[in-house]
Amino acid sequence: MTNDFLKQQLNFRHRVGREMRKRMSMPLSDDLVKKMQKKYEPSSMVQMRFRGNDVAFKTDEDGNPIQLFVGRTGEDGNIKGDRYARTLKYDREGKLIKDHWERKGKAT
């Protein structure tokens, strides 16, 4: 095998892998983000269905969802799918200055 052929193969695998990662790490829908901006029972785990997916999230002491699991519930009751974490930053007056959801990986 020539060196050029190996470079082409490696480049192809890199591009395919990058495209697969882009497809797998879809951002949260605007409707789900809007639903997660509501207040829920403080320091609890809430489960619901949303657009054909099972959704479970943990709330902080103020009732804000801070950890989110989206996917399908398995026989053991755990959701297999994606896991997201929320960043909430407040200024000194208590005003919200940053609200961001980030995909952390697979949920098993």
Protein backbone atom coordinates (compact mmCIF):
# COMPACT_ATOMS: atom_id res chain seq x y z
CA MET A 1 0.00 0.00 0.00
CA THR A 2 1.21 3.44 -0.80
CA ASN A 3 1.55 6.22 1.69
CA ASP A 4 -0.98 8.38 -0.24
CA PHE A 5 -3.58 5.62 -0.03
CA LEU A 6 -3.18 5.34 3.75
CA LYS A 7 -3.52 9.11 4.12
CA GLN A 8 -6.74 9.05 2.09
CA GLN A 9 -8.17 6.25 4.24
CA LEU A 10 -7.27 8.04 7.46
CA ASN A 11 -8.77 11.29 6.21
CA PHE A 12 -11.98 9.49 5.19
CA ARG A 13 -12.32 7.80 8.60
CA HIS A 14 -11.71 11.12 10.36
CA ARG A 15 -14.42 12.88 8.33
CA VAL A 16 -16.93 10.06 8.81
CA GLY A 17 -16.26 9.97 12.57
CA ARG A 18 -16.70 13.73 12.85
CA GLU A 19 -20.02 13.60 10.96
CA MET A 20 -21.29 10.78 13.19
CA ARG A 21 -20.41 12.74 16.34
CA LYS A 22 -22.26 15.79 14.99
CA ARG A 23 -25.39 13.74 14.35
CA MET A 24 -25.25 12.01 17.72
CA SER A 25 -24.84 15.19 19.77
CA MET A 26 -28.02 16.99 18.85
CA PRO A 27 -28.86 20.09 20.87
CA LEU A 28 -31.98 20.21 23.00
CA SER A 29 -35.14 21.39 21.25
CA ASP A 30 -36.42 24.86 22.04
CA ASP A 31 -39.66 23.41 23.44
CA LEU A 32 -37.77 21.17 25.85
CA VAL A 33 -35.53 24.04 26.97
CA LYS A 34 -38.67 26.13 27.58
CA LYS A 35 -40.14 23.30 29.67
CA MET A 36 -36.90 23.08 31.67
CA GLN A 37 -37.09 26.77 32.57
CA LYS A 38 -40.10 26.13 34.80
CA LYS A 39 -39.76 25.53 38.55
CA TYR A 40 -40.40 22.03 39.87
CA GLU A 41 -40.32 20.35 43.27
CA PRO A 42 -36.97 21.23 44.93
CA SER A 43 -34.27 18.55 45.34
CA SER A 44 -36.18 15.82 43.52
CA MET A 45 -36.11 13.57 40.46
CA VAL A 46 -38.96 14.23 38.00
CA GLN A 47 -39.93 11.84 35.19
CA MET A 48 -42.19 12.55 32.21
CA ARG A 49 -42.75 11.83 28.51
CA PHE A 50 -41.89 14.49 25.95
CA ARG A 51 -42.43 14.03 22.21
CA GLY A 52 -42.02 10.26 22.28
CA ASN A 53 -38.98 10.27 24.58
CA ASP A 54 -38.70 9.49 28.24
CA VAL A 55 -37.31 12.46 30.15
CA ALA A 56 -36.01 12.53 33.71
CA PHE A 57 -34.31 15.41 35.48
CA LYS A 58 -32.89 16.30 38.86
CA THR A 59 -33.68 19.65 40.43
CA ASP A 60 -31.62 21.83 42.75
CA GLU A 61 -32.77 23.29 46.08
CA ASP A 62 -34.58 26.11 44.23
CA GLY A 63 -36.53 23.74 41.95
CA ASN A 64 -34.50 24.41 38.79
CA PRO A 65 -33.72 21.37 36.61
CA ILE A 66 -29.94 20.94 36.63
CA GLN A 67 -29.34 17.45 35.22
CA LEU A 68 -31.38 15.99 32.36
CA PHE A 69 -31.68 12.49 30.89
CA VAL A 70 -33.43 12.01 27.51
CA GLY A 71 -34.00 8.66 25.79
CA ARG A 72 -35.84 5.41 26.43
CA THR A 73 -36.48 3.85 29.82
CA GLY A 74 -35.06 0.34 30.10
CA GLU A 75 -36.42 -2.59 32.07
CA ASP A 76 -34.39 -1.50 35.10
CA GLY A 77 -36.06 1.94 35.10
CA ASN A 78 -32.95 3.85 33.98
CA ILE A 79 -32.99 6.02 30.88
CA LYS A 80 -30.67 5.04 28.06
CA GLY A 81 -29.93 7.98 25.81
CA ASP A 82 -28.24 11.32 26.39
CA ARG A 83 -27.25 13.15 29.55
CA TYR A 84 -27.21 16.95 29.82
CA ALA A 85 -26.03 19.29 32.57
CA ARG A 86 -27.20 22.86 33.14
CA THR A 87 -25.02 25.79 34.11
CA LEU A 88 -26.74 28.53 36.08
CA LYS A 89 -24.70 31.61 37.02
CA TYR A 90 -25.99 34.51 39.09
CA ASP A 91 -24.48 37.91 39.79
CA ARG A 92 -24.13 39.41 43.26
CA GLU A 93 -27.69 40.75 43.23
CA GLY A 94 -29.05 37.29 42.42
CA LYS A 95 -29.88 38.10 38.79
CA LEU A 96 -29.43 35.22 36.34
CA ILE A 97 -26.58 35.99 33.94
CA LYS A 98 -25.95 32.57 32.35
CA ASP A 99 -28.29 29.67 31.61
CA HIS A 100 -26.77 26.97 29.41
CA TRP A 101 -27.41 23.25 28.74
CA GLU A 102 -24.44 21.11 27.69
CA ARG A 103 -24.44 17.49 26.49
CA LYS A 104 -22.21 15.42 28.77
CA GLY A 105 -22.45 12.09 26.97
CA LYS A 106 -24.47 8.91 26.97
CA ALA A 107 -26.77 7.94 29.79
CA THR A 108 -26.84 4.25 30.62
